[in-house]
């Protein structure tokens, strides 16, 4: 996973630009990309800080979570429903969701889709 560059480095780049250095020259001087120098200057001007925002984490589950009650009702109506069938039902309502997104919903809520009961263990054959 990527890691944000230090706040100290960001502040030095922004300070160099504020002192009159061009963004490209400041980026070259401190060994960062030009686009980073530009973004940090904009961030310092608009927010007043160059601190990085949060990295990683889940950004999309809220979309499928909004339809959690519908997914559970589909599961209650038909206990052996497949993920493709759930996806089709959601699509009828205009909800676009991938199979993996639905699978992750089930995983987060510890819901299982069992098609049949667990099979008994097989007998072992003893050889003489």
Protein backbone atom coordinates (compact mmCIF):
# COMPACT_ATOMS: atom_id res chain seq x y z
CA UNK A 1 0.00 0.00 0.00
CA UNK A 2 1.23 3.48 -0.72
CA UNK A 3 2.26 5.85 2.02
CA UNK A 4 1.80 9.62 2.09
CA UNK A 5 4.88 11.80 1.94
CA UNK A 6 5.74 13.62 5.16
CA UNK A 7 4.06 16.86 6.15
CA UNK A 8 7.50 18.41 6.60
CA UNK A 9 8.38 17.77 2.95
CA UNK A 10 5.03 19.09 1.80
CA UNK A 11 5.47 22.27 3.85
CA UNK A 12 8.99 22.84 2.47
CA UNK A 13 7.72 22.54 -1.11
CA UNK A 14 4.84 24.96 -0.43
CA UNK A 15 7.20 27.38 1.35
CA UNK A 16 9.59 27.33 -1.61
CA UNK A 17 6.72 28.13 -3.98
CA UNK A 18 5.53 30.91 -1.65
CA UNK A 19 9.06 32.35 -1.68
CA UNK A 20 8.90 32.74 -5.45
CA UNK A 21 10.18 29.46 -6.84
CA UNK A 22 8.06 27.94 -9.59
CA UNK A 23 6.18 24.77 -8.78
CA UNK A 24 8.22 22.79 -11.29
CA UNK A 25 11.51 24.04 -9.86
CA UNK A 26 10.39 23.32 -6.28
CA UNK A 27 9.30 19.82 -7.29
CA UNK A 28 12.67 19.14 -8.93
CA UNK A 29 14.57 20.58 -5.95
CA UNK A 30 12.78 18.34 -3.43
CA UNK A 31 12.49 15.28 -5.65
CA UNK A 32 8.70 15.08 -5.89
CA UNK A 33 6.39 15.10 -8.88
CA UNK A 34 5.17 18.35 -10.35
CA UNK A 35 1.56 17.28 -9.88
CA UNK A 36 2.18 16.71 -6.16
CA UNK A 37 3.68 20.19 -5.78
CA UNK A 38 0.69 21.69 -7.56
CA UNK A 39 -1.81 19.74 -5.43
CA UNK A 40 -0.04 20.67 -2.20
CA UNK A 41 -0.03 24.37 -3.10
CA UNK A 42 -3.74 24.23 -3.88
CA UNK A 43 -4.39 22.33 -0.66
CA UNK A 44 -2.43 24.87 1.39
CA UNK A 45 -4.35 27.74 -0.21
CA UNK A 46 -7.83 26.22 0.08
CA UNK A 47 -7.61 24.25 3.35
CA UNK A 48 -4.72 25.97 5.09
CA UNK A 49 -2.89 22.70 5.73
CA UNK A 50 -0.89 20.29 3.62
CA UNK A 51 -1.62 17.28 5.84
CA UNK A 52 -2.56 14.18 3.84
CA UNK A 53 -6.09 12.84 3.89
CA UNK A 54 -6.96 9.32 4.96
CA UNK A 55 -5.58 6.49 2.84
CA UNK A 56 -7.24 3.20 2.07
CA UNK A 57 -10.39 1.95 3.67
CA UNK A 58 -13.75 1.08 2.27
CA UNK A 59 -15.33 3.73 0.09
CA UNK A 60 -18.06 1.83 -1.72
CA UNK A 61 -19.91 -0.43 0.70
CA UNK A 62 -22.35 2.32 1.64
CA UNK A 63 -23.93 2.01 -1.82
CA UNK A 64 -24.90 -1.63 -1.35
CA UNK A 65 -25.61 -1.18 2.38
CA UNK A 66 -28.43 1.21 1.44
CA UNK A 67 -30.19 -1.81 -0.14
CA UNK A 68 -29.45 -4.23 2.69
CA UNK A 69 -33.10 -4.65 3.65
CA UNK A 70 -33.99 -5.58 0.08
CA UNK A 71 -31.19 -8.14 -0.13
CA UNK A 72 -32.27 -9.71 3.15
CA UNK A 73 -35.90 -9.84 2.00
CA UNK A 74 -34.80 -11.58 -1.21
CA UNK A 75 -32.89 -14.09 0.89
CA UNK A 76 -35.91 -14.63 3.17
CA UNK A 77 -38.20 -15.21 0.19
CA UNK A 78 -35.89 -17.66 -1.52
CA UNK A 79 -33.26 -19.24 0.69
CA UNK A 80 -31.32 -20.82 -2.19
CA UNK A 81 -31.08 -17.65 -4.27
CA UNK A 82 -27.82 -17.13 -6.16
CA UNK A 83 -25.71 -14.00 -6.26
CA UNK A 84 -26.56 -13.58 -9.93
CA UNK A 85 -30.27 -13.66 -9.12
CA UNK A 86 -29.79 -11.06 -6.39
CA UNK A 87 -27.87 -8.92 -8.85
CA UNK A 88 -30.69 -9.24 -11.40
CA UNK A 89 -33.30 -8.23 -8.82
CA UNK A 90 -31.24 -5.20 -7.84
CA UNK A 91 -30.80 -4.28 -11.51
CA UNK A 92 -34.59 -4.29 -11.97
CA UNK A 93 -34.69 -1.52 -9.38
CA UNK A 94 -31.91 0.40 -11.08
CA UNK A 95 -29.18 -0.58 -8.62
CA UNK A 96 -25.89 -1.46 -10.29
CA UNK A 97 -23.85 -3.91 -8.21
CA UNK A 98 -21.25 -6.49 -9.07
CA UNK A 99 -21.25 -10.08 -7.91
CA UNK A 100 -18.22 -9.46 -5.70
CA UNK A 101 -19.88 -6.42 -4.13
CA UNK A 102 -22.88 -8.54 -3.16
CA UNK A 103 -20.60 -11.34 -1.94
CA UNK A 104 -18.72 -8.87 0.27
CA UNK A 105 -22.05 -7.67 1.68
CA UNK A 106 -22.82 -11.25 2.69
CA UNK A 107 -19.33 -11.66 4.13
CA UNK A 108 -19.55 -8.45 6.21
CA UNK A 109 -22.92 -9.48 7.64
CA UNK A 110 -21.86 -13.11 8.10
CA UNK A 111 -24.66 -14.37 5.89
CA UNK A 112 -24.14 -17.67 4.12
CA UNK A 113 -25.69 -19.10 0.99
CA UNK A 114 -25.83 -22.84 1.47
CA UNK A 115 -27.42 -24.85 -1.30
CA UNK A 116 -27.67 -28.02 0.77
CA UNK A 117 -26.81 -29.38 4.14
CA UNK A 118 -23.33 -30.48 4.91
CA UNK A 119 -22.59 -33.99 3.70
CA UNK A 120 -21.66 -36.66 6.24
CA UNK A 121 -18.00 -37.67 6.26
CA UNK A 122 -17.11 -40.46 3.90
CA UNK A 123 -16.36 -43.87 5.30
CA UNK A 124 -12.78 -44.94 5.32
CA UNK A 125 -11.97 -48.22 3.66
CA UNK A 126 -9.58 -50.38 5.60
CA UNK A 127 -7.14 -52.45 3.67
CA UNK A 128 -5.61 -55.61 5.06
